[in-house]
């Protein structure tokens, strides 16, 4: 199975998670970018770093994108996530802003 092709900033996000590279992860976002995890929004580089520490890289996360669909600057994905905090599949939405991410959202399951 071939991995879905993602825009470069989204792929750098995934690669940084899997490499446990917090600085690289934070660098994928714009200065005012944010993570929205089920309605808990963490803004700016400090907020993004906080989420990486508490929910992702700091929890030993590994991420595999299972499916991706790009429409303009929005990339909707289905991904597998394994960590000490959460293990399972989820949906995600990247919003790309040039060479960076404006946001990454994990919407609540319906």
C-alpha atoms as a PDB file:
ATOM      1  CA  UNK A   1       0.000   0.000   0.000  1.00  0.00           C
ATOM      2  CA  UNK A   2       1.359   3.409  -1.001  1.00  0.00           C
ATOM      3  CA  UNK A   3       1.194   6.195   1.555  1.00  0.00           C
ATOM      4  CA  UNK A   4      -0.988   9.154   0.551  1.00  0.00           C
ATOM      5  CA  UNK A   5       0.857  12.161  -0.839  1.00  0.00           C
ATOM      6  CA  UNK A   6       0.613  15.190   1.441  1.00  0.00           C
ATOM      7  CA  UNK A   7       1.599  18.821   0.890  1.00  0.00           C
ATOM      8  CA  UNK A   8       5.136  19.396   2.200  1.00  0.00           C
ATOM      9  CA  UNK A   9       4.159  21.145   5.476  1.00  0.00           C
ATOM     10  CA  UNK A  10       1.738  18.348   6.387  1.00  0.00           C
ATOM     11  CA  UNK A  11       4.348  15.699   5.577  1.00  0.00           C
ATOM     12  CA  UNK A  12       6.904  17.535   7.738  1.00  0.00           C
ATOM     13  CA  UNK A  13       4.331  17.472  10.592  1.00  0.00           C
ATOM     14  CA  UNK A  14       3.971  13.679  10.278  1.00  0.00           C
ATOM     15  CA  UNK A  15       7.722  13.165   9.927  1.00  0.00           C
ATOM     16  CA  UNK A  16       8.434  15.316  13.000  1.00  0.00           C
ATOM     17  CA  UNK A  17       5.924  13.372  15.111  1.00  0.00           C
ATOM     18  CA  UNK A  18       7.434  10.052  14.052  1.00  0.00           C
ATOM     19  CA  UNK A  19      11.011  11.282  14.629  1.00  0.00           C
ATOM     20  CA  UNK A  20      10.131  12.723  18.070  1.00  0.00           C
ATOM     21  CA  UNK A  21      11.410  16.093  16.799  1.00  0.00           C
ATOM     22  CA  UNK A  22       9.571  18.734  18.834  1.00  0.00           C
ATOM     23  CA  UNK A  23      11.483  21.685  17.370  1.00  0.00           C
ATOM     24  CA  UNK A  24      10.826  20.423  13.837  1.00  0.00           C
ATOM     25  CA  UNK A  25       7.173  19.906  14.713  1.00  0.00           C
ATOM     26  CA  UNK A  26       6.759  23.456  16.003  1.00  0.00           C
ATOM     27  CA  UNK A  27       8.595  24.808  12.948  1.00  0.00           C
ATOM     28  CA  UNK A  28       5.941  23.336  10.626  1.00  0.00           C
ATOM     29  CA  UNK A  29       3.442  25.947  11.884  1.00  0.00           C
ATOM     30  CA  UNK A  30       3.112  29.649  11.163  1.00  0.00           C
ATOM     31  CA  UNK A  31       3.905  31.946  14.101  1.00  0.00           C
ATOM     32  CA  UNK A  32       0.166  32.258  14.828  1.00  0.00           C
ATOM     33  CA  UNK A  33      -0.730  28.674  13.898  1.00  0.00           C
ATOM     34  CA  UNK A  34      -2.754  26.452  16.167  1.00  0.00           C
ATOM     35  CA  UNK A  35      -3.757  22.916  17.076  1.00  0.00           C
ATOM     36  CA  UNK A  36      -7.434  22.229  17.765  1.00  0.00           C
ATOM     37  CA  UNK A  37      -7.791  18.875  19.506  1.00  0.00           C
ATOM     38  CA  UNK A  38     -11.497  18.148  20.039  1.00  0.00           C
ATOM     39  CA  UNK A  39     -12.179  21.841  20.692  1.00  0.00           C
ATOM     40  CA  UNK A  40      -9.147  22.424  22.915  1.00  0.00           C
ATOM     41  CA  UNK A  41      -7.290  25.094  20.939  1.00  0.00           C
ATOM     42  CA  UNK A  42      -3.602  25.792  21.557  1.00  0.00           C
ATOM     43  CA  UNK A  43      -2.366  28.874  19.689  1.00  0.00           C
ATOM     44  CA  UNK A  44       1.010  30.141  18.597  1.00  0.00           C
ATOM     45  CA  UNK A  45       4.313  28.345  18.775  1.00  0.00           C
ATOM     46  CA  UNK A  46       4.105  28.004  22.575  1.00  0.00           C
ATOM     47  CA  UNK A  47       0.657  26.429  22.302  1.00  0.00           C
ATOM     48  CA  UNK A  48       1.753  24.086  19.530  1.00  0.00           C
ATOM     49  CA  UNK A  49       4.813  23.079  21.583  1.00  0.00           C
ATOM     50  CA  UNK A  50       2.589  22.470  24.597  1.00  0.00           C
ATOM     51  CA  UNK A  51       0.350  20.108  22.591  1.00  0.00           C
ATOM     52  CA  UNK A  52       3.402  18.308  21.188  1.00  0.00           C
ATOM     53  CA  UNK A  53       4.685  17.785  24.734  1.00  0.00           C
ATOM     54  CA  UNK A  54       1.422  16.684  26.373  1.00  0.00           C
ATOM     55  CA  UNK A  55      -0.429  14.871  23.582  1.00  0.00           C
ATOM     56  CA  UNK A  56       2.004  13.845  20.862  1.00  0.00           C
ATOM     57  CA  UNK A  57       5.792  13.688  20.942  1.00  0.00           C
ATOM     58  CA  UNK A  58       5.982  13.741  24.733  1.00  0.00           C
ATOM     59  CA  UNK A  59       3.692  10.710  24.731  1.00  0.00           C
ATOM     60  CA  UNK A  60       5.790   8.696  22.265  1.00  0.00           C
ATOM     61  CA  UNK A  61       3.337   9.203  19.391  1.00  0.00           C
ATOM     62  CA  UNK A  62       3.636   7.501  16.041  1.00  0.00           C
ATOM     63  CA  UNK A  63       1.381   8.584  13.181  1.00  0.00           C
ATOM     64  CA  UNK A  64       0.464   6.933   9.904  1.00  0.00           C
ATOM     65  CA  UNK A  65      -1.708   8.709   7.356  1.00  0.00           C
ATOM     66  CA  UNK A  66      -4.165   6.195   5.925  1.00  0.00           C
ATOM     67  CA  UNK A  67      -6.021   8.438   3.488  1.00  0.00           C
ATOM     68  CA  UNK A  68      -5.784  12.069   2.376  1.00  0.00           C
ATOM     69  CA  UNK A  69      -7.864  14.415   0.255  1.00  0.00           C
ATOM     70  CA  UNK A  70      -6.645  17.889  -0.672  1.00  0.00           C
ATOM     71  CA  UNK A  71      -8.987  20.722  -1.640  1.00  0.00           C
ATOM     72  CA  UNK A  72      -7.079  23.981  -2.107  1.00  0.00           C
ATOM     73  CA  UNK A  73      -5.256  24.741   1.143  1.00  0.00           C
ATOM     74  CA  UNK A  74      -7.262  22.195   3.167  1.00  0.00           C
ATOM     75  CA  UNK A  75      -6.121  18.607   3.571  1.00  0.00           C
ATOM     76  CA  UNK A  76      -8.476  16.129   5.220  1.00  0.00           C
ATOM     77  CA  UNK A  77      -6.859  12.958   6.474  1.00  0.00           C
ATOM     78  CA  UNK A  78      -7.698   9.709   8.213  1.00  0.00           C
ATOM     79  CA  UNK A  79      -4.798   8.603  10.380  1.00  0.00           C
ATOM     80  CA  UNK A  80      -3.644   5.945  12.771  1.00  0.00           C
ATOM     81  CA  UNK A  81      -2.090   7.170  16.020  1.00  0.00           C
ATOM     82  CA  UNK A  82      -0.268   5.212  18.689  1.00  0.00           C
ATOM     83  CA  UNK A  83       0.878   6.830  21.922  1.00  0.00           C
ATOM     84  CA  UNK A  84       0.717   6.523  25.688  1.00  0.00           C
ATOM     85  CA  UNK A  85      -2.206   8.992  25.633  1.00  0.00           C
ATOM     86  CA  UNK A  86      -4.342   7.696  22.737  1.00  0.00           C
ATOM     87  CA  UNK A  87      -4.224   4.790  20.342  1.00  0.00           C
ATOM     88  CA  UNK A  88      -6.644   4.463  17.460  1.00  0.00           C
ATOM     89  CA  UNK A  89      -7.750   6.060  14.222  1.00  0.00           C
ATOM     90  CA  UNK A  90      -9.044   9.564  13.814  1.00  0.00           C
ATOM     91  CA  UNK A  91      -9.775  12.270  11.294  1.00  0.00           C
ATOM     92  CA  UNK A  92      -7.610  15.345  10.944  1.00  0.00           C
ATOM     93  CA  UNK A  93      -7.651  18.581   8.990  1.00  0.00           C
ATOM     94  CA  UNK A  94      -4.547  20.509   7.983  1.00  0.00           C
ATOM     95  CA  UNK A  95      -4.806  24.074   6.685  1.00  0.00           C
ATOM     96  CA  UNK A  96      -1.695  24.938   4.697  1.00  0.00           C
ATOM     97  CA  UNK A  97      -0.347  28.498   4.546  1.00  0.00           C
ATOM     98  CA  UNK A  98       2.526  28.615   2.053  1.00  0.00           C
ATOM     99  CA  UNK A  99       5.389  26.527   3.422  1.00  0.00           C
ATOM    100  CA  UNK A 100       3.784  26.127   6.856  1.00  0.00           C
ATOM    101  CA  UNK A 101       0.627  24.936   8.541  1.00  0.00           C
ATOM    102  CA  UNK A 102      -1.913  27.473   9.734  1.00  0.00           C
ATOM    103  CA  UNK A 103      -3.645  24.768  11.753  1.00  0.00           C
ATOM    104  CA  UNK A 104      -4.157  21.112  12.527  1.00  0.00           C
ATOM    105  CA  UNK A 105      -7.594  20.104  13.777  1.00  0.00           C
ATOM    106  CA  UNK A 106      -8.757  16.815  15.224  1.00  0.00           C
ATOM    107  CA  UNK A 107     -12.543  17.154  15.166  1.00  0.00           C
ATOM    108  CA  UNK A 108     -14.652  15.348  17.780  1.00  0.00           C
ATOM    109  CA  UNK A 109     -16.032  12.013  16.620  1.00  0.00           C
ATOM    110  CA  UNK A 110     -19.687  12.216  15.674  1.00  0.00           C
END
